[in-house]
């Protein structure tokens, strides 16, 4: 089973240290390690569940008091990883749902829950660049499915206080869809 893990810090040097410790602790692959706004750092890894768990724990310990958020998602939906790399095309859009979070890790976790909860397509997972540290994901599908997926993300344990805003737009204008991609 493949898992994804992330550690987010509000210190760039300790974020880099966390990433180093994560990669040295277990056999995992680095997906992303970078600065985000405002002066945060995120490290995202993938691998076998046990390896990801131990790597994330090492990252948390290295981050110390600078830890903003962390996560381990066993059996990550492959659409989440693809949407983190950039927008995925969608045809015949009936509704769009957008959920904005205050942390990068909570956004990844919410996106995974959303796509597993309902028959929706994940257009994008945008992680904290140029958004004051916030992140968001965009899903599309039938109105009821989009509503269900957004509700599932909101209902996740640990999301309390991390959701900035959310919206579901039935019959979005075609120019909006183009702008989202």
Protein backbone atom coordinates (compact mmCIF):
# COMPACT_ATOMS: atom_id res chain seq x y z
CA UNK A 1 0.00 0.00 0.00
CA UNK A 2 1.41 3.41 -0.97
CA UNK A 3 1.09 6.32 1.42
CA UNK A 4 1.82 10.01 1.26
CA UNK A 5 3.24 12.03 4.14
CA UNK A 6 3.92 15.70 4.73
CA UNK A 7 5.50 17.97 7.31
CA UNK A 8 4.86 21.71 7.19
CA UNK A 9 6.89 24.19 9.25
CA UNK A 10 6.93 27.96 9.73
CA UNK A 11 10.74 27.90 9.67
CA UNK A 12 12.58 27.37 6.41
CA UNK A 13 15.83 26.09 8.01
CA UNK A 14 13.97 23.67 10.30
CA UNK A 15 11.79 22.64 7.36
CA UNK A 16 14.91 21.70 5.42
CA UNK A 17 16.23 19.83 8.47
CA UNK A 18 12.90 18.02 8.80
CA UNK A 19 13.11 16.95 5.17
CA UNK A 20 16.62 15.66 5.63
CA UNK A 21 15.60 13.64 8.68
CA UNK A 22 12.53 12.28 6.88
CA UNK A 23 14.62 11.05 3.95
CA UNK A 24 17.32 9.55 6.20
CA UNK A 25 14.88 7.74 8.50
CA UNK A 26 13.26 5.30 6.05
CA UNK A 27 13.11 4.32 2.39
CA UNK A 28 10.74 6.95 0.98
CA UNK A 29 10.60 9.03 -2.19
CA UNK A 30 10.63 12.81 -2.11
CA UNK A 31 7.68 14.31 -3.99
CA UNK A 32 8.26 17.93 -3.07
CA UNK A 33 10.35 20.06 -0.71
CA UNK A 34 9.93 23.80 -1.03
CA UNK A 35 9.16 27.15 0.51
CA UNK A 36 5.60 28.38 0.55
CA UNK A 37 4.01 31.64 1.66
CA UNK A 38 4.43 33.24 4.16
CA UNK A 39 7.86 31.83 4.96
CA UNK A 40 6.71 28.24 5.46
CA UNK A 41 8.40 25.08 4.24
CA UNK A 42 6.75 21.80 3.25
CA UNK A 43 8.19 18.36 2.62
CA UNK A 44 6.00 15.76 0.91
CA UNK A 45 7.08 12.12 0.61
CA UNK A 46 5.58 8.82 -0.51
CA UNK A 47 6.32 5.15 0.04
CA UNK A 48 5.17 2.17 2.03
CA UNK A 49 2.89 3.08 4.92
CA UNK A 50 5.26 2.09 7.76
CA UNK A 51 8.18 3.93 6.14
CA UNK A 52 6.10 7.08 5.60
CA UNK A 53 4.85 6.99 9.21
CA UNK A 54 8.37 6.75 10.64
CA UNK A 55 9.69 9.41 8.25
CA UNK A 56 6.93 11.86 9.15
CA UNK A 57 7.53 11.23 12.86
CA UNK A 58 11.21 12.06 12.36
CA UNK A 59 10.22 15.23 10.49
CA UNK A 60 7.87 16.26 13.30
CA UNK A 61 10.61 15.78 15.88
CA UNK A 62 13.09 17.81 13.81
CA UNK A 63 10.54 20.61 13.29
CA UNK A 64 9.96 21.01 17.01
CA UNK A 65 7.94 24.11 17.88
CA UNK A 66 7.99 25.28 14.24
CA UNK A 67 5.59 22.50 13.17
CA UNK A 68 2.47 23.89 11.50
CA UNK A 69 0.87 20.63 10.38
CA UNK A 70 1.66 17.09 9.30
CA UNK A 71 -0.12 14.14 7.79
CA UNK A 72 0.12 10.53 6.75
CA UNK A 73 -2.47 9.22 4.30
CA UNK A 74 -2.32 5.47 3.69
CA UNK A 75 -3.66 4.42 0.29
CA UNK A 76 -3.60 7.95 -1.16
CA UNK A 77 -5.83 8.43 -4.19
CA UNK A 78 -3.54 8.84 -7.22
CA UNK A 79 -5.64 11.78 -8.44
CA UNK A 80 -4.45 13.83 -5.47
CA UNK A 81 -0.79 13.41 -6.39
CA UNK A 82 -1.56 14.26 -10.04
CA UNK A 83 -3.56 17.37 -9.06
CA UNK A 84 -0.70 18.57 -6.83
CA UNK A 85 1.51 18.60 -9.94
CA UNK A 86 -0.90 20.89 -11.82
CA UNK A 87 -4.44 21.31 -13.06
CA UNK A 88 -6.13 18.26 -14.54
CA UNK A 89 -8.59 18.82 -17.42
CA UNK A 90 -12.31 18.30 -16.87
CA UNK A 91 -15.09 17.99 -19.46
CA UNK A 92 -18.81 18.64 -19.12
CA UNK A 93 -18.57 20.49 -15.81
CA UNK A 94 -21.91 20.59 -13.98
CA UNK A 95 -20.66 22.04 -10.70
CA UNK A 96 -17.41 23.22 -9.12
CA UNK A 97 -16.45 22.94 -5.47
CA UNK A 98 -13.56 24.82 -3.90
CA UNK A 99 -12.30 24.29 -0.36
CA UNK A 100 -9.64 26.62 1.06
CA UNK A 101 -7.53 25.71 4.09
CA UNK A 102 -5.08 27.46 6.38
CA UNK A 103 -2.47 24.70 6.07
CA UNK A 104 -1.00 22.75 3.19
CA UNK A 105 -1.25 19.37 4.88
CA UNK A 106 -4.95 19.85 5.66
CA UNK A 107 -5.58 20.69 2.00
CA UNK A 108 -3.96 17.44 0.81
CA UNK A 109 -5.91 15.47 3.42
CA UNK A 110 -9.17 17.19 2.45
CA UNK A 111 -8.63 16.58 -1.26
CA UNK A 112 -8.03 12.88 -0.65
CA UNK A 113 -11.22 12.61 1.44
CA UNK A 114 -13.21 14.54 -1.17
CA UNK A 115 -12.30 12.29 -4.11
CA UNK A 116 -12.87 9.13 -2.07
CA UNK A 117 -16.29 10.28 -0.82
CA UNK A 118 -18.09 10.95 -4.09
CA UNK A 119 -17.91 10.60 -7.86
CA UNK A 120 -15.97 13.81 -8.55
CA UNK A 121 -12.93 14.79 -10.54
CA UNK A 122 -10.10 16.64 -8.85
CA UNK A 123 -9.02 19.58 -11.00
CA UNK A 124 -6.24 20.96 -8.82
CA UNK A 125 -4.59 20.98 -5.41
CA UNK A 126 -2.82 24.34 -5.02
CA UNK A 127 -0.37 24.43 -2.14
CA UNK A 128 0.35 27.78 -0.52
CA UNK A 129 2.35 29.63 -3.15
CA UNK A 130 1.39 33.29 -3.35
CA UNK A 131 -1.66 32.84 -1.10
CA UNK A 132 -0.44 33.87 2.33
CA UNK A 133 0.06 30.27 3.42
CA UNK A 134 -3.41 29.11 2.46
CA UNK A 135 -4.10 26.24 0.08
CA UNK A 136 -7.13 25.05 -1.85
CA UNK A 137 -8.44 22.24 -3.97
CA UNK A 138 -11.03 22.23 -6.75
CA UNK A 139 -13.40 19.36 -7.59
CA UNK A 140 -16.01 19.03 -10.30
CA UNK A 141 -18.92 16.73 -11.04
CA UNK A 142 -22.67 16.60 -10.49
CA UNK A 143 -23.93 19.14 -7.93
CA UNK A 144 -24.88 16.51 -5.31
CA UNK A 145 -21.53 14.72 -5.69
CA UNK A 146 -19.55 17.96 -5.38
CA UNK A 147 -21.55 18.91 -2.26
CA UNK A 148 -20.93 15.47 -0.75
CA UNK A 149 -17.21 15.61 -1.49
CA UNK A 150 -16.78 19.05 0.08
CA UNK A 151 -18.78 17.99 3.16
CA UNK A 152 -16.59 14.88 3.50
CA UNK A 153 -13.44 17.04 3.47
CA UNK A 154 -14.92 19.41 6.06
CA UNK A 155 -15.92 16.52 8.33
CA UNK A 156 -12.43 15.02 8.56
CA UNK A 157 -11.04 14.66 12.04
CA UNK A 158 -8.48 17.38 12.68
CA UNK A 159 -9.93 19.89 10.18
CA UNK A 160 -11.49 22.03 12.91
CA UNK A 161 -10.14 25.56 12.59
CA UNK A 162 -8.20 24.78 9.40
CA UNK A 163 -10.93 25.52 6.84
CA UNK A 164 -10.83 29.10 5.61
CA UNK A 165 -13.73 28.98 3.17
CA UNK A 166 -15.70 26.75 0.82
CA UNK A 167 -18.10 27.09 -2.07
CA UNK A 168 -20.07 24.89 -4.46
CA UNK A 169 -21.09 26.55 -7.72
CA UNK A 170 -23.78 24.83 -9.83
CA UNK A 171 -23.50 25.47 -13.60
CA UNK A 172 -20.30 27.54 -13.46
CA UNK A 173 -19.58 29.87 -16.37
CA UNK A 174 -17.30 28.24 -18.96
CA UNK A 175 -14.74 31.06 -18.63
CA UNK A 176 -14.42 30.26 -14.92
CA UNK A 177 -13.61 26.62 -15.75
CA UNK A 178 -10.96 27.79 -18.23
CA UNK A 179 -9.45 30.07 -15.56
CA UNK A 180 -9.31 27.22 -13.05
CA UNK A 181 -7.32 25.08 -15.45
